[in-house]
């Protein structure tokens, strides 16, 4: 049985990294949505402010996830 080569390890690392980036982004956005729904339920008059803050935070999380995906693609294509 032959060991994994450098190229194979690069693909494995890229796959694991991409999966972790997507899982992390999903968990982060899920937590934001949960908190926003709870905040809206507690204080309905603040819905617009809560929505705006939620969208900004979700965009930042997606930006970090996209950055992680790009790094993984670069690792796979190395």
PDB file of N, CA and C in Angstrom:
ATOM      1  N   UNK A   1       0.839  -1.178   0.000  1.00  0.00           N
ATOM      2  CA  UNK A   1       0.000   0.000   0.000  1.00  0.00           C
ATOM      3  C   UNK A   1       0.882   1.238   0.000  1.00  0.00           C
ATOM      4  N   UNK A   2       0.644   2.068  -0.960  1.00  0.00           N
ATOM      5  CA  UNK A   2       1.468   3.251  -1.131  1.00  0.00           C
ATOM      6  C   UNK A   2       0.875   4.420  -0.366  1.00  0.00           C
ATOM      7  N   UNK A   3       1.725   5.264   0.210  1.00  0.00           N
ATOM      8  CA  UNK A   3       1.256   6.425   0.970  1.00  0.00           C
ATOM      9  C   UNK A   3       0.676   7.492   0.054  1.00  0.00           C
ATOM     10  N   UNK A   4       0.034   8.438   0.653  1.00  0.00           N
ATOM     11  CA  UNK A   4      -0.539   9.546  -0.101  1.00  0.00           C
ATOM     12  C   UNK A   4       0.566  10.485  -0.556  1.00  0.00           C
ATOM     13  N   UNK A   5       0.471  10.929  -1.797  1.00  0.00           N
ATOM     14  CA  UNK A   5       1.431  11.886  -2.315  1.00  0.00           C
ATOM     15  C   UNK A   5       1.059  13.298  -1.899  1.00  0.00           C
ATOM     16  N   UNK A   6       1.948  14.228  -2.206  1.00  0.00           N
ATOM     17  CA  UNK A   6       1.692  15.624  -1.855  1.00  0.00           C
ATOM     18  C   UNK A   6       0.443  16.157  -2.541  1.00  0.00           C
ATOM     19  N   UNK A   7       0.235  15.759  -3.792  1.00  0.00           N
ATOM     20  CA  UNK A   7      -0.934  16.237  -4.522  1.00  0.00           C
ATOM     21  C   UNK A   7      -2.225  15.715  -3.883  1.00  0.00           C
ATOM     22  N   UNK A   8      -2.217  14.456  -3.503  1.00  0.00           N
ATOM     23  CA  UNK A   8      -3.392  13.867  -2.857  1.00  0.00           C
ATOM     24  C   UNK A   8      -3.682  14.539  -1.523  1.00  0.00           C
ATOM     25  N   UNK A   9      -2.642  14.834  -0.769  1.00  0.00           N
ATOM     26  CA  UNK A   9      -2.840  15.515   0.508  1.00  0.00           C
ATOM     27  C   UNK A   9      -3.367  16.928   0.310  1.00  0.00           C
ATOM     28  N   UNK A  10      -2.947  17.575  -0.770  1.00  0.00           N
ATOM     29  CA  UNK A  10      -3.464  18.909  -1.090  1.00  0.00           C
ATOM     30  C   UNK A  10      -4.951  18.865  -1.378  1.00  0.00           C
ATOM     31  N   UNK A  11      -5.383  17.865  -2.157  1.00  0.00           N
ATOM     32  CA  UNK A  11      -6.809  17.715  -2.448  1.00  0.00           C
ATOM     33  C   UNK A  11      -7.594  17.385  -1.182  1.00  0.00           C
ATOM     34  N   UNK A  12      -7.039  16.524  -0.341  1.00  0.00           N
ATOM     35  CA  UNK A  12      -7.701  16.164   0.908  1.00  0.00           C
ATOM     36  C   UNK A  12      -7.840  17.383   1.817  1.00  0.00           C
ATOM     37  N   UNK A  13      -6.773  18.148   1.938  1.00  0.00           N
ATOM     38  CA  UNK A  13      -6.822  19.355   2.763  1.00  0.00           C
ATOM     39  C   UNK A  13      -7.795  20.382   2.219  1.00  0.00           C
ATOM     40  N   UNK A  14      -7.839  20.524   0.899  1.00  0.00           N
ATOM     41  CA  UNK A  14      -8.774  21.472   0.282  1.00  0.00           C
ATOM     42  C   UNK A  14     -10.214  21.050   0.527  1.00  0.00           C
ATOM     43  N   UNK A  15     -10.488  19.765   0.415  1.00  0.00           N
ATOM     44  CA  UNK A  15     -11.847  19.268   0.651  1.00  0.00           C
ATOM     45  C   UNK A  15     -12.283  19.446   2.093  1.00  0.00           C
ATOM     46  N   UNK A  16     -11.404  19.121   3.016  1.00  0.00           N
ATOM     47  CA  UNK A  16     -11.730  19.280   4.431  1.00  0.00           C
ATOM     48  C   UNK A  16     -11.902  20.753   4.774  1.00  0.00           C
ATOM     49  N   UNK A  17     -11.009  21.588   4.260  1.00  0.00           N
ATOM     50  CA  UNK A  17     -11.098  23.024   4.538  1.00  0.00           C
ATOM     51  C   UNK A  17     -12.366  23.639   3.974  1.00  0.00           C
ATOM     52  N   UNK A  18     -12.732  23.245   2.754  1.00  0.00           N
ATOM     53  CA  UNK A  18     -13.957  23.778   2.144  1.00  0.00           C
ATOM     54  C   UNK A  18     -15.175  23.341   2.945  1.00  0.00           C
ATOM     55  N   UNK A  19     -15.189  22.099   3.372  1.00  0.00           N
ATOM     56  CA  UNK A  19     -16.308  21.609   4.172  1.00  0.00           C
ATOM     57  C   UNK A  19     -16.422  22.341   5.494  1.00  0.00           C
ATOM     58  N   UNK A  20     -15.312  22.572   6.159  1.00  0.00           N
ATOM     59  CA  UNK A  20     -15.341  23.293   7.430  1.00  0.00           C
ATOM     60  C   UNK A  20     -15.769  24.742   7.247  1.00  0.00           C
ATOM     61  N   UNK A  21     -15.344  25.369   6.148  1.00  0.00           N
ATOM     62  CA  UNK A  21     -15.755  26.750   5.885  1.00  0.00           C
ATOM     63  C   UNK A  21     -17.258  26.845   5.680  1.00  0.00           C
ATOM     64  N   UNK A  22     -17.821  25.904   4.943  1.00  0.00           N
ATOM     65  CA  UNK A  22     -19.259  25.916   4.691  1.00  0.00           C
ATOM     66  C   UNK A  22     -20.039  25.613   5.968  1.00  0.00           C
ATOM     67  N   UNK A  23     -19.572  24.648   6.748  1.00  0.00           N
ATOM     68  CA  UNK A  23     -20.255  24.320   8.006  1.00  0.00           C
ATOM     69  C   UNK A  23     -20.196  25.506   8.970  1.00  0.00           C
ATOM     70  N   UNK A  24     -19.047  26.137   9.065  1.00  0.00           N
ATOM     71  CA  UNK A  24     -18.916  27.294   9.950  1.00  0.00           C
ATOM     72  C   UNK A  24     -19.814  28.445   9.539  1.00  0.00           C
ATOM     73  N   UNK A  25     -19.878  28.714   8.242  1.00  0.00           N
ATOM     74  CA  UNK A  25     -20.751  29.785   7.763  1.00  0.00           C
ATOM     75  C   UNK A  25     -22.217  29.453   8.018  1.00  0.00           C
ATOM     76  N   UNK A  26     -22.591  28.218   7.794  1.00  0.00           N
ATOM     77  CA  UNK A  26     -23.974  27.809   8.043  1.00  0.00           C
ATOM     78  C   UNK A  26     -24.359  27.944   9.505  1.00  0.00           C
ATOM     79  N   UNK A  27     -23.470  27.532  10.389  1.00  0.00           N
ATOM     80  CA  UNK A  27     -23.741  27.669  11.825  1.00  0.00           C
ATOM     81  C   UNK A  27     -23.818  29.133  12.238  1.00  0.00           C
ATOM     82  N   UNK A  28     -22.924  29.947  11.708  1.00  0.00           N
ATOM     83  CA  UNK A  28     -22.928  31.366  12.047  1.00  0.00           C
ATOM     84  C   UNK A  28     -24.192  32.069  11.602  1.00  0.00           C
ATOM     85  N   UNK A  29     -24.601  31.823  10.367  1.00  0.00           N
ATOM     86  CA  UNK A  29     -25.814  32.462   9.858  1.00  0.00           C
ATOM     87  C   UNK A  29     -27.047  31.917  10.568  1.00  0.00           C
ATOM     88  N   UNK A  30     -27.034  30.645  10.913  1.00  0.00           N
ATOM     89  CA  UNK A  30     -28.139  30.080  11.683  1.00  0.00           C
ATOM     90  C   UNK A  30     -28.280  30.734  13.047  1.00  0.00           C
ATOM     91  N   UNK A  31     -27.147  30.969  13.705  1.00  0.00           N
ATOM     92  CA  UNK A  31     -27.185  31.651  15.004  1.00  0.00           C
ATOM     93  C   UNK A  31     -27.686  33.086  14.869  1.00  0.00           C
ATOM     94  N   UNK A  32     -27.266  33.757  13.817  1.00  0.00           N
ATOM     95  CA  UNK A  32     -27.725  35.130  13.588  1.00  0.00           C
ATOM     96  C   UNK A  32     -29.233  35.156  13.367  1.00  0.00           C
ATOM     97  N   UNK A  33     -29.729  34.265  12.532  1.00  0.00           N
ATOM     98  CA  UNK A  33     -31.165  34.233  12.250  1.00  0.00           C
ATOM     99  C   UNK A  33     -31.960  33.903  13.509  1.00  0.00           C
ATOM    100  N   UNK A  34     -31.463  32.990  14.298  1.00  0.00           N
ATOM    101  CA  UNK A  34     -32.138  32.628  15.543  1.00  0.00           C
ATOM    102  C   UNK A  34     -32.197  33.820  16.495  1.00  0.00           C
ATOM    103  N   UNK A  35     -31.091  34.499  16.647  1.00  0.00           N
ATOM    104  CA  UNK A  35     -31.057  35.656  17.537  1.00  0.00           C
ATOM    105  C   UNK A  35     -31.931  36.789  17.019  1.00  0.00           C
ATOM    106  N   UNK A  36     -31.933  36.984  15.696  1.00  0.00           N
ATOM    107  CA  UNK A  36     -32.769  38.037  15.119  1.00  0.00           C
ATOM    108  C   UNK A  36     -34.248  37.734  15.314  1.00  0.00           C
ATOM    109  N   UNK A  37     -34.642  36.487  15.141  1.00  0.00           N
ATOM    110  CA  UNK A  37     -36.038  36.113  15.346  1.00  0.00           C
ATOM    111  C   UNK A  37     -36.437  36.302  16.805  1.00  0.00           C
ATOM    112  N   UNK A  38     -35.542  35.938  17.709  1.00  0.00           N
ATOM    113  CA  UNK A  38     -35.835  36.120  19.131  1.00  0.00           C
ATOM    114  C   UNK A  38     -35.912  37.599  19.492  1.00  0.00           C
ATOM    115  N   UNK A  39     -35.002  38.394  18.954  1.00  0.00           N
ATOM    116  CA  UNK A  39     -35.028  39.832  19.219  1.00  0.00           C
ATOM    117  C   UNK A  39     -36.274  40.499  18.664  1.00  0.00           C
ATOM    118  N   UNK A  40     -36.694  40.071  17.482  1.00  0.00           N
ATOM    119  CA  UNK A  40     -37.912  40.620  16.887  1.00  0.00           C
ATOM    120  C   UNK A  40     -39.139  40.219  17.698  1.00  0.00           C
ATOM    121  N   UNK A  41     -39.148  39.004  18.209  1.00  0.00           N
ATOM    122  CA  UNK A  41     -40.274  38.566  19.020  1.00  0.00           C
ATOM    123  C   UNK A  41     -40.347  39.342  20.334  1.00  0.00           C
ATOM    124  N   UNK A  42     -39.202  39.679  20.897  1.00  0.00           N
ATOM    125  CA  UNK A  42     -39.194  40.405  22.169  1.00  0.00           C
ATOM    126  C   UNK A  42     -39.484  41.894  21.984  1.00  0.00           C
ATOM    127  N   UNK A  43     -39.039  42.441  20.839  1.00  0.00           N
ATOM    128  CA  UNK A  43     -39.183  43.878  20.621  1.00  0.00           C
ATOM    129  C   UNK A  43     -39.566  44.132  19.162  1.00  0.00           C
ATOM    130  N   UNK A  44     -40.825  43.967  18.818  1.00  0.00           N
ATOM    131  CA  UNK A  44     -41.263  44.080  17.422  1.00  0.00           C
ATOM    132  C   UNK A  44     -41.005  45.451  16.794  1.00  0.00           C
ATOM    133  N   UNK A  45     -40.946  46.498  17.602  1.00  0.00           N
ATOM    134  CA  UNK A  45     -40.715  47.833  17.038  1.00  0.00           C
ATOM    135  C   UNK A  45     -39.289  48.025  16.538  1.00  0.00           C
ATOM    136  N   UNK A  46     -38.382  47.144  16.896  1.00  0.00           N
ATOM    137  CA  UNK A  46     -36.986  47.238  16.461  1.00  0.00           C
ATOM    138  C   UNK A  46     -36.684  46.312  15.293  1.00  0.00           C
ATOM    139  N   UNK A  47     -37.717  45.841  14.601  1.00  0.00           N
ATOM    140  CA  UNK A  47     -37.521  44.864  13.521  1.00  0.00           C
ATOM    141  C   UNK A  47     -36.602  45.380  12.422  1.00  0.00           C
ATOM    142  N   UNK A  48     -36.776  46.632  12.016  1.00  0.00           N
ATOM    143  CA  UNK A  48     -35.953  47.179  10.924  1.00  0.00           C
ATOM    144  C   UNK A  48     -34.478  47.238  11.309  1.00  0.00           C
ATOM    145  N   UNK A  49     -34.192  47.693  12.520  1.00  0.00           N
ATOM    146  CA  UNK A  49     -32.796  47.758  12.969  1.00  0.00           C
ATOM    147  C   UNK A  49     -32.192  46.368  13.108  1.00  0.00           C
ATOM    148  N   UNK A  50     -32.963  45.439  13.628  1.00  0.00           N
ATOM    149  CA  UNK A  50     -32.477  44.065  13.795  1.00  0.00           C
ATOM    150  C   UNK A  50     -32.198  43.442  12.427  1.00  0.00           C
ATOM    151  N   UNK A  51     -33.090  43.657  11.470  1.00  0.00           N
ATOM    152  CA  UNK A  51     -32.910  43.101  10.124  1.00  0.00           C
ATOM    153  C   UNK A  51     -31.650  43.657   9.463  1.00  0.00           C
ATOM    154  N   UNK A  52     -31.451  44.970   9.591  1.00  0.00           N
ATOM    155  CA  UNK A  52     -30.266  45.593   8.992  1.00  0.00           C
ATOM    156  C   UNK A  52     -28.987  45.031   9.591  1.00  0.00           C
ATOM    157  N   UNK A  53     -28.953  44.933  10.905  1.00  0.00           N
ATOM    158  CA  UNK A  53     -27.770  44.385  11.570  1.00  0.00           C
ATOM    159  C   UNK A  53     -27.542  42.928  11.177  1.00  0.00           C
ATOM    160  N   UNK A  54     -28.630  42.167  11.052  1.00  0.00           N
ATOM    161  CA  UNK A  54     -28.527  40.761  10.674  1.00  0.00           C
ATOM    162  C   UNK A  54     -27.955  40.613   9.267  1.00  0.00           C
ATOM    163  N   UNK A  55     -28.416  41.431   8.342  1.00  0.00           N
ATOM    164  CA  UNK A  55     -27.932  41.338   6.964  1.00  0.00           C
ATOM    165  C   UNK A  55     -26.452  41.700   6.882  1.00  0.00           C
ATOM    166  N   UNK A  56     -26.039  42.723   7.607  1.00  0.00           N
ATOM    167  CA  UNK A  56     -24.619  43.106   7.606  1.00  0.00           C
ATOM    168  C   UNK A  56     -23.756  41.986   8.189  1.00  0.00           C
ATOM    169  N   UNK A  57     -24.186  41.412   9.296  1.00  0.00           N
ATOM    170  CA  UNK A  57     -23.415  40.327   9.921  1.00  0.00           C
ATOM    171  C   UNK A  57     -23.367  39.100   9.018  1.00  0.00           C
ATOM    172  N   UNK A  58     -24.484  38.779   8.368  1.00  0.00           N
ATOM    173  CA  UNK A  58     -24.501  37.623   7.461  1.00  0.00           C
ATOM    174  C   UNK A  58     -23.567  37.851   6.277  1.00  0.00           C
ATOM    175  N   UNK A  59     -23.524  39.078   5.772  1.00  0.00           N
ATOM    176  CA  UNK A  59     -22.619  39.378   4.659  1.00  0.00           C
ATOM    177  C   UNK A  59     -21.161  39.227   5.076  1.00  0.00           C
ATOM    178  N   UNK A  60     -20.835  39.655   6.291  1.00  0.00           N
ATOM    179  CA  UNK A  60     -19.462  39.489   6.777  1.00  0.00           C
ATOM    180  C   UNK A  60     -19.098  38.016   6.936  1.00  0.00           C
ATOM    181  N   UNK A  61     -20.027  37.227   7.436  1.00  0.00           N
ATOM    182  CA  UNK A  61     -19.769  35.792   7.586  1.00  0.00           C
ATOM    183  C   UNK A  61     -19.587  35.152   6.210  1.00  0.00           C
ATOM    184  N   UNK A  62     -20.434  35.513   5.256  1.00  0.00           N
ATOM    185  CA  UNK A  62     -20.300  34.959   3.902  1.00  0.00           C
ATOM    186  C   UNK A  62     -18.978  35.367   3.271  1.00  0.00           C
ATOM    187  N   UNK A  63     -18.522  36.586   3.562  1.00  0.00           N
ATOM    188  CA  UNK A  63     -17.228  37.030   3.042  1.00  0.00           C
ATOM    189  C   UNK A  63     -16.082  36.182   3.567  1.00  0.00           C
ATOM    190  N   UNK A  64     -16.113  35.884   4.846  1.00  0.00           N
ATOM    191  CA  UNK A  64     -15.071  35.034   5.437  1.00  0.00           C
ATOM    192  C   UNK A  64     -15.138  33.624   4.868  1.00  0.00           C
ATOM    193  N   UNK A  65     -16.365  33.100   4.683  1.00  0.00           N
ATOM    194  CA  UNK A  65     -16.522  31.761   4.111  1.00  0.00           C
ATOM    195  C   UNK A  65     -16.016  31.726   2.671  1.00  0.00           C
ATOM    196  N   UNK A  66     -16.307  32.770   1.910  1.00  0.00           N
ATOM    197  CA  UNK A  66     -15.826  32.833   0.528  1.00  0.00           C
ATOM    198  C   UNK A  66     -14.305  32.904   0.491  1.00  0.00           C
ATOM    199  N   UNK A  67     -13.717  33.661   1.404  1.00  0.00           N
ATOM    200  CA  UNK A  67     -12.260  33.726   1.490  1.00  0.00           C
ATOM    201  C   UNK A  67     -11.673  32.346   1.784  1.00  0.00           C
ATOM    202  N   UNK A  68     -12.302  31.604   2.679  1.00  0.00           N
ATOM    203  CA  UNK A  68     -11.853  30.240   2.981  1.00  0.00           C
ATOM    204  C   UNK A  68     -11.968  29.323   1.782  1.00  0.00           C
ATOM    205  N   UNK A  69     -13.059  29.461   1.028  1.00  0.00           N
ATOM    206  CA  UNK A  69     -13.249  28.640  -0.177  1.00  0.00           C
ATOM    207  C   UNK A  69     -12.170  28.960  -1.213  1.00  0.00           C
ATOM    208  N   UNK A  70     -11.846  30.225  -1.379  1.00  0.00           N
ATOM    209  CA  UNK A  70     -10.806  30.615  -2.346  1.00  0.00           C
ATOM    210  C   UNK A  70      -9.467  30.025  -1.944  1.00  0.00           C
ATOM    211  N   UNK A  71      -9.155  30.073  -0.671  1.00  0.00           N
ATOM    212  CA  UNK A  71      -7.903  29.480  -0.189  1.00  0.00           C
ATOM    213  C   UNK A  71      -7.884  27.978  -0.477  1.00  0.00           C
ATOM    214  N   UNK A  72      -9.009  27.312  -0.285  1.00  0.00           N
ATOM    215  CA  UNK A  72      -9.083  25.870  -0.547  1.00  0.00           C
ATOM    216  C   UNK A  72      -8.926  25.563  -2.035  1.00  0.00           C
ATOM    217  N   UNK A  73      -9.508  26.376  -2.881  1.00  0.00           N
ATOM    218  CA  UNK A  73      -9.352  26.173  -4.332  1.00  0.00           C
ATOM    219  C   UNK A  73      -7.899  26.381  -4.728  1.00  0.00           C
ATOM    220  N   UNK A  74      -7.273  27.421  -4.194  1.00  0.00           N
ATOM    221  CA  UNK A  74      -5.863  27.653  -4.490  1.00  0.00           C
ATOM    222  C   UNK A  74      -4.996  26.499  -4.010  1.00  0.00           C
ATOM    223  N   UNK A  75      -5.339  25.936  -2.866  1.00  0.00           N
ATOM    224  CA  UNK A  75      -4.593  24.779  -2.352  1.00  0.00           C
ATOM    225  C   UNK A  75      -4.771  23.573  -3.259  1.00  0.00           C
ATOM    226  N   UNK A  76      -5.988  23.379  -3.769  1.00  0.00           N
ATOM    227  CA  UNK A  76      -6.243  22.226  -4.635  1.00  0.00           C
ATOM    228  C   UNK A  76      -5.569  22.392  -5.996  1.00  0.00           C
ATOM    229  N   UNK A  77      -5.475  23.615  -6.486  1.00  0.00           N
ATOM    230  CA  UNK A  77      -4.894  23.839  -7.810  1.00  0.00           C
ATOM    231  C   UNK A  77      -3.396  24.058  -7.785  1.00  0.00           C
ATOM    232  N   UNK A  78      -2.813  24.036  -6.630  1.00  0.00           N
ATOM    233  CA  UNK A  78      -1.369  24.259  -6.470  1.00  0.00           C
ATOM    234  C   UNK A  78      -0.560  23.218  -7.201  1.00  0.00           C
TER     235      UNK A  78
END
